[in-house]
Protein backbone atom coordinates (compact mmCIF):
# COMPACT_ATOMS: atom_id res chain seq x y z
CA MET A 1 -8.17 4.73 11.53
CA ARG A 2 -11.34 4.40 9.50
CA ALA A 3 -13.46 1.36 8.78
CA LEU A 4 -13.25 -0.20 5.34
CA THR A 5 -16.06 -2.07 3.66
CA LEU A 6 -14.67 -4.11 0.80
CA LEU A 7 -17.23 -4.89 -1.90
CA ASP A 8 -16.28 -7.04 -4.87
CA PRO A 9 -19.59 -8.21 -6.40
CA GLU A 10 -17.98 -9.08 -9.74
CA GLU A 11 -15.08 -10.88 -8.03
CA GLN A 12 -12.44 -8.80 -9.83
CA LEU A 13 -10.05 -8.45 -6.89
CA ARG A 14 -6.98 -10.68 -7.26
CA TRP A 15 -4.55 -11.40 -4.40
CA PHE A 16 -0.89 -12.19 -4.97
CA PRO A 17 1.91 -12.82 -2.49
CA GLY A 18 4.49 -10.07 -2.04
CA PRO A 19 7.68 -11.95 -3.02
CA GLN A 20 9.90 -9.61 -0.99
CA SER A 21 7.57 -9.34 1.99
CA GLU A 22 9.19 -10.31 5.28
CA THR A 23 5.72 -10.85 6.76
CA GLY A 24 4.23 -12.91 3.93
CA GLY A 25 1.95 -10.01 3.00
CA GLU A 26 -0.24 -9.96 -0.08
CA ARG A 27 -1.25 -7.29 -2.58
CA GLY A 28 -4.75 -6.94 -3.98
CA PHE A 29 -4.98 -5.99 -7.66
CA CYS A 30 -7.88 -5.07 -9.93
CA GLY A 31 -8.55 -8.04 -12.20
CA ARG A 32 -9.57 -5.71 -15.04
CA CYS A 33 -6.91 -3.00 -15.18
CA GLY A 34 -4.15 -4.45 -12.96
CA SER A 35 -4.01 -1.50 -10.54
CA SER A 36 -2.51 -2.26 -7.13
CA LEU A 37 -5.29 -1.43 -4.65
CA LEU A 38 -4.63 -3.09 -1.29
CA TRP A 39 -2.03 -4.65 0.98
CA ARG A 40 -2.65 -7.07 3.84
CA GLU A 41 -0.62 -9.18 6.21
CA PRO A 42 -1.70 -12.75 6.97
CA GLY A 43 -3.90 -13.00 10.05
CA SER A 44 -4.43 -9.24 10.25
CA THR A 45 -7.79 -7.50 10.02
CA THR A 46 -6.03 -4.34 8.79
CA TYR A 47 -5.76 -3.46 5.10
CA SER A 48 -3.56 -0.75 3.62
CA VAL A 49 -5.35 1.07 0.81
CA ALA A 50 -3.49 2.62 -2.13
CA ALA A 51 -4.64 6.26 -2.06
CA GLY A 52 -4.25 6.50 -5.84
CA GLY A 53 -7.17 4.11 -6.20
CA LEU A 54 -9.60 6.42 -4.41
CA ASP A 55 -11.96 8.69 -6.36
CA GLY A 56 -12.60 12.33 -5.49
CA ALA A 57 -11.21 14.50 -2.72
CA THR A 58 -10.02 12.47 0.25
CA GLY A 59 -8.52 15.00 2.64
CA LEU A 60 -5.56 12.64 3.04
CA ARG A 61 -2.14 14.01 3.91
CA ILE A 62 1.23 12.23 3.99
CA ALA A 63 2.18 11.52 7.60
CA GLN A 64 5.52 9.79 6.97
CA HIS A 65 7.61 8.16 4.25
CA ILE A 66 8.69 4.54 4.60
CA TRP A 67 11.44 2.72 2.73
CA ASP A 68 12.83 6.15 1.85
CA ASP A 69 16.26 4.83 0.90
CA HIS A 70 14.49 2.99 -1.95
CA ARG A 71 12.96 6.26 -3.22
CA ALA A 72 13.25 6.86 -6.99
CA ASP A 73 15.67 9.61 -7.98
CA TRP A 74 12.79 11.69 -9.41
CA GLU A 75 10.83 11.72 -6.13
CA PRO A 76 11.16 15.05 -4.33
CA VAL A 77 12.59 15.32 -0.84
CA ASP A 78 10.22 17.17 1.50
CA ASP A 79 9.89 17.92 5.21
CA VAL A 80 7.71 14.88 5.99
CA PRO A 81 9.38 12.49 8.47
CA ARG A 82 11.24 9.54 6.97
CA ILE A 83 11.17 6.16 8.67
CA PRO A 84 14.08 3.81 7.91
CA PRO A 85 13.27 0.20 7.01
CA PRO A 86 13.72 -2.41 9.73
CA GLY A 87 17.06 -4.21 9.58
CA PRO A 88 19.76 -3.80 6.94
CA SER A 89 18.78 -1.99 3.75
CA SER A 90 19.32 -3.78 0.44
């Protein structure tokens, strides 16, 4: 895990509750373009960062897929491990 320094000098980051979040998590969006950038759970010091919001080469690789049974029909199936969602799937 790497450290994240979150700078928002123009106060453009907007937080909204995840309406389907079982944990009460929130998503952080860009106030200018609306891009989803971050995810956090209440009381946690950990943020999940949307890799699509990063500039340049990152060296990131997919380690696992989550919520795979909600995958869009156009998303390819690959050899990366798939983790089922907790509890019954809807």
